[in-house]
């Protein structure tokens, strides 16, 4: 069984036991449980074809547990204007929350 969940306008296809990176949830602690109520699609195997929501499936939710907060590798951004002696260099390091999907309800 799988589900497509919506978390702050980002959609993720998940199944039970998956680990996904979502945008950082400030104040979240390791072991905290989360519930995602905005489920767009619930799919199944075999005869259970699944349900598609308009826009969300009624009564469906996905429960997850926070594993830890992680940082992506640094991305270096360089700006260069030729013949102007203008160079800028700065970096960006995205922060995420790693969650483990426990169950798909509904």
C-alpha atoms as a PDB file:
ATOM      1  CA  UNK A   1       0.000   0.000   0.000  1.00  0.00           C
ATOM      2  CA  UNK A   2       1.267   3.466  -0.841  1.00  0.00           C
ATOM      3  CA  UNK A   3       0.087   7.037  -0.460  1.00  0.00           C
ATOM      4  CA  UNK A   4       0.851  10.426  -1.954  1.00  0.00           C
ATOM      5  CA  UNK A   5       0.861  13.007   0.812  1.00  0.00           C
ATOM      6  CA  UNK A   6       0.985  16.781   0.660  1.00  0.00           C
ATOM      7  CA  UNK A   7       3.189  18.596   3.161  1.00  0.00           C
ATOM      8  CA  UNK A   8       3.395  22.362   2.746  1.00  0.00           C
ATOM      9  CA  UNK A   9       2.795  22.198  -1.035  1.00  0.00           C
ATOM     10  CA  UNK A  10       5.337  19.411  -1.581  1.00  0.00           C
ATOM     11  CA  UNK A  11       4.050  15.984  -2.543  1.00  0.00           C
ATOM     12  CA  UNK A  12       5.751  12.733  -1.538  1.00  0.00           C
ATOM     13  CA  UNK A  13       4.985   9.146  -2.565  1.00  0.00           C
ATOM     14  CA  UNK A  14       5.451   6.971   0.502  1.00  0.00           C
ATOM     15  CA  UNK A  15       4.911   3.440   1.750  1.00  0.00           C
ATOM     16  CA  UNK A  16       5.115   2.027   5.260  1.00  0.00           C
ATOM     17  CA  UNK A  17       8.738   1.834   6.413  1.00  0.00           C
ATOM     18  CA  UNK A  18      10.051   4.528   4.044  1.00  0.00           C
ATOM     19  CA  UNK A  19      12.319   7.321   5.226  1.00  0.00           C
ATOM     20  CA  UNK A  20      11.852  10.697   3.551  1.00  0.00           C
ATOM     21  CA  UNK A  21      13.342  14.159   3.935  1.00  0.00           C
ATOM     22  CA  UNK A  22      10.776  16.935   4.388  1.00  0.00           C
ATOM     23  CA  UNK A  23      11.394  20.633   4.841  1.00  0.00           C
ATOM     24  CA  UNK A  24      12.703  21.484   8.291  1.00  0.00           C
ATOM     25  CA  UNK A  25      10.145  21.453  11.089  1.00  0.00           C
ATOM     26  CA  UNK A  26      11.526  23.815  13.695  1.00  0.00           C
ATOM     27  CA  UNK A  27      11.112  22.567  17.221  1.00  0.00           C
ATOM     28  CA  UNK A  28      10.667  18.938  16.212  1.00  0.00           C
ATOM     29  CA  UNK A  29      12.493  16.484  18.430  1.00  0.00           C
ATOM     30  CA  UNK A  30      13.788  13.009  17.773  1.00  0.00           C
ATOM     31  CA  UNK A  31      11.082  10.384  18.318  1.00  0.00           C
ATOM     32  CA  UNK A  32       8.182  12.842  17.988  1.00  0.00           C
ATOM     33  CA  UNK A  33       5.186  11.523  16.059  1.00  0.00           C
ATOM     34  CA  UNK A  34       3.658  13.414  13.132  1.00  0.00           C
ATOM     35  CA  UNK A  35       0.360  12.960  11.336  1.00  0.00           C
ATOM     36  CA  UNK A  36      -0.128  14.057   7.736  1.00  0.00           C
ATOM     37  CA  UNK A  37      -3.842  14.609   7.047  1.00  0.00           C
ATOM     38  CA  UNK A  38      -3.526  15.893   3.482  1.00  0.00           C
ATOM     39  CA  UNK A  39      -3.389  12.653   1.492  1.00  0.00           C
ATOM     40  CA  UNK A  40      -3.935  13.020  -2.269  1.00  0.00           C
ATOM     41  CA  UNK A  41      -3.892   9.340  -3.315  1.00  0.00           C
ATOM     42  CA  UNK A  42      -4.134   6.044  -1.458  1.00  0.00           C
ATOM     43  CA  UNK A  43      -3.130   3.087  -3.589  1.00  0.00           C
ATOM     44  CA  UNK A  44      -3.204  -0.610  -2.965  1.00  0.00           C
ATOM     45  CA  UNK A  45      -2.145  -3.871  -4.509  1.00  0.00           C
ATOM     46  CA  UNK A  46      -4.229  -6.409  -6.381  1.00  0.00           C
ATOM     47  CA  UNK A  47      -7.977  -5.894  -6.297  1.00  0.00           C
ATOM     48  CA  UNK A  48      -7.715  -2.861  -4.022  1.00  0.00           C
ATOM     49  CA  UNK A  49      -7.118  -0.316  -6.793  1.00  0.00           C
ATOM     50  CA  UNK A  50      -6.925   2.722  -4.509  1.00  0.00           C
ATOM     51  CA  UNK A  51      -8.628   6.060  -4.122  1.00  0.00           C
ATOM     52  CA  UNK A  52      -7.914   9.484  -5.575  1.00  0.00           C
ATOM     53  CA  UNK A  53      -8.988  12.554  -3.630  1.00  0.00           C
ATOM     54  CA  UNK A  54     -10.533  15.777  -4.884  1.00  0.00           C
ATOM     55  CA  UNK A  55      -8.178  17.301  -3.737  1.00  0.00           C
ATOM     56  CA  UNK A  56      -7.651  15.082  -0.652  1.00  0.00           C
ATOM     57  CA  UNK A  57      -8.948  11.639   0.340  1.00  0.00           C
ATOM     58  CA  UNK A  58     -11.503  11.851   3.156  1.00  0.00           C
ATOM     59  CA  UNK A  59     -10.508  10.047   6.330  1.00  0.00           C
ATOM     60  CA  UNK A  60      -7.024   9.122   5.130  1.00  0.00           C
ATOM     61  CA  UNK A  61      -3.877  10.012   7.050  1.00  0.00           C
ATOM     62  CA  UNK A  62      -0.248   9.012   7.265  1.00  0.00           C
ATOM     63  CA  UNK A  63       1.513   8.649  10.611  1.00  0.00           C
ATOM     64  CA  UNK A  64       5.263   9.142  10.871  1.00  0.00           C
ATOM     65  CA  UNK A  65       8.043   9.491  13.427  1.00  0.00           C
ATOM     66  CA  UNK A  66      10.824  12.093  13.371  1.00  0.00           C
ATOM     67  CA  UNK A  67      14.203  10.395  13.011  1.00  0.00           C
ATOM     68  CA  UNK A  68      16.483  13.462  13.091  1.00  0.00           C
ATOM     69  CA  UNK A  69      17.173  16.844  11.539  1.00  0.00           C
ATOM     70  CA  UNK A  70      19.751  16.697   8.732  1.00  0.00           C
ATOM     71  CA  UNK A  71      21.684  19.121   6.558  1.00  0.00           C
ATOM     72  CA  UNK A  72      22.372  18.685   2.864  1.00  0.00           C
ATOM     73  CA  UNK A  73      25.868  19.274   1.498  1.00  0.00           C
ATOM     74  CA  UNK A  74      26.703  22.914   0.926  1.00  0.00           C
ATOM     75  CA  UNK A  75      25.913  24.332  -2.512  1.00  0.00           C
ATOM     76  CA  UNK A  76      28.296  27.075  -3.620  1.00  0.00           C
ATOM     77  CA  UNK A  77      26.735  29.906  -5.603  1.00  0.00           C
ATOM     78  CA  UNK A  78      29.054  32.116  -7.636  1.00  0.00           C
ATOM     79  CA  UNK A  79      28.137  35.311  -9.455  1.00  0.00           C
ATOM     80  CA  UNK A  80      30.529  36.621 -12.082  1.00  0.00           C
ATOM     81  CA  UNK A  81      30.193  39.635 -14.338  1.00  0.00           C
ATOM     82  CA  UNK A  82      32.796  39.702 -17.060  1.00  0.00           C
ATOM     83  CA  UNK A  83      34.909  42.805 -17.612  1.00  0.00           C
ATOM     84  CA  UNK A  84      33.500  44.447 -14.467  1.00  0.00           C
ATOM     85  CA  UNK A  85      35.854  42.984 -11.841  1.00  0.00           C
ATOM     86  CA  UNK A  86      32.761  41.802  -9.997  1.00  0.00           C
ATOM     87  CA  UNK A  87      32.700  38.411  -8.317  1.00  0.00           C
ATOM     88  CA  UNK A  88      30.540  37.157  -5.490  1.00  0.00           C
ATOM     89  CA  UNK A  89      30.606  33.788  -3.819  1.00  0.00           C
ATOM     90  CA  UNK A  90      28.287  32.509  -1.146  1.00  0.00           C
ATOM     91  CA  UNK A  91      26.923  29.176  -0.062  1.00  0.00           C
ATOM     92  CA  UNK A  92      23.640  27.635   0.931  1.00  0.00           C
ATOM     93  CA  UNK A  93      23.033  24.562   3.053  1.00  0.00           C
ATOM     94  CA  UNK A  94      19.470  23.239   3.093  1.00  0.00           C
ATOM     95  CA  UNK A  95      18.105  21.787   6.322  1.00  0.00           C
ATOM     96  CA  UNK A  96      15.620  18.939   6.398  1.00  0.00           C
ATOM     97  CA  UNK A  97      13.767  16.760   8.852  1.00  0.00           C
ATOM     98  CA  UNK A  98      14.132  13.021   8.266  1.00  0.00           C
ATOM     99  CA  UNK A  99      10.928  11.124   9.054  1.00  0.00           C
ATOM    100  CA  UNK A 100      10.083   7.429   8.996  1.00  0.00           C
ATOM    101  CA  UNK A 101       6.628   6.462   7.756  1.00  0.00           C
ATOM    102  CA  UNK A 102       4.922   4.188  10.301  1.00  0.00           C
ATOM    103  CA  UNK A 103       1.478   3.517   8.835  1.00  0.00           C
ATOM    104  CA  UNK A 104      -0.985   4.584   6.163  1.00  0.00           C
ATOM    105  CA  UNK A 105      -4.451   4.895   7.675  1.00  0.00           C
ATOM    106  CA  UNK A 106      -7.475   4.748   5.417  1.00  0.00           C
END
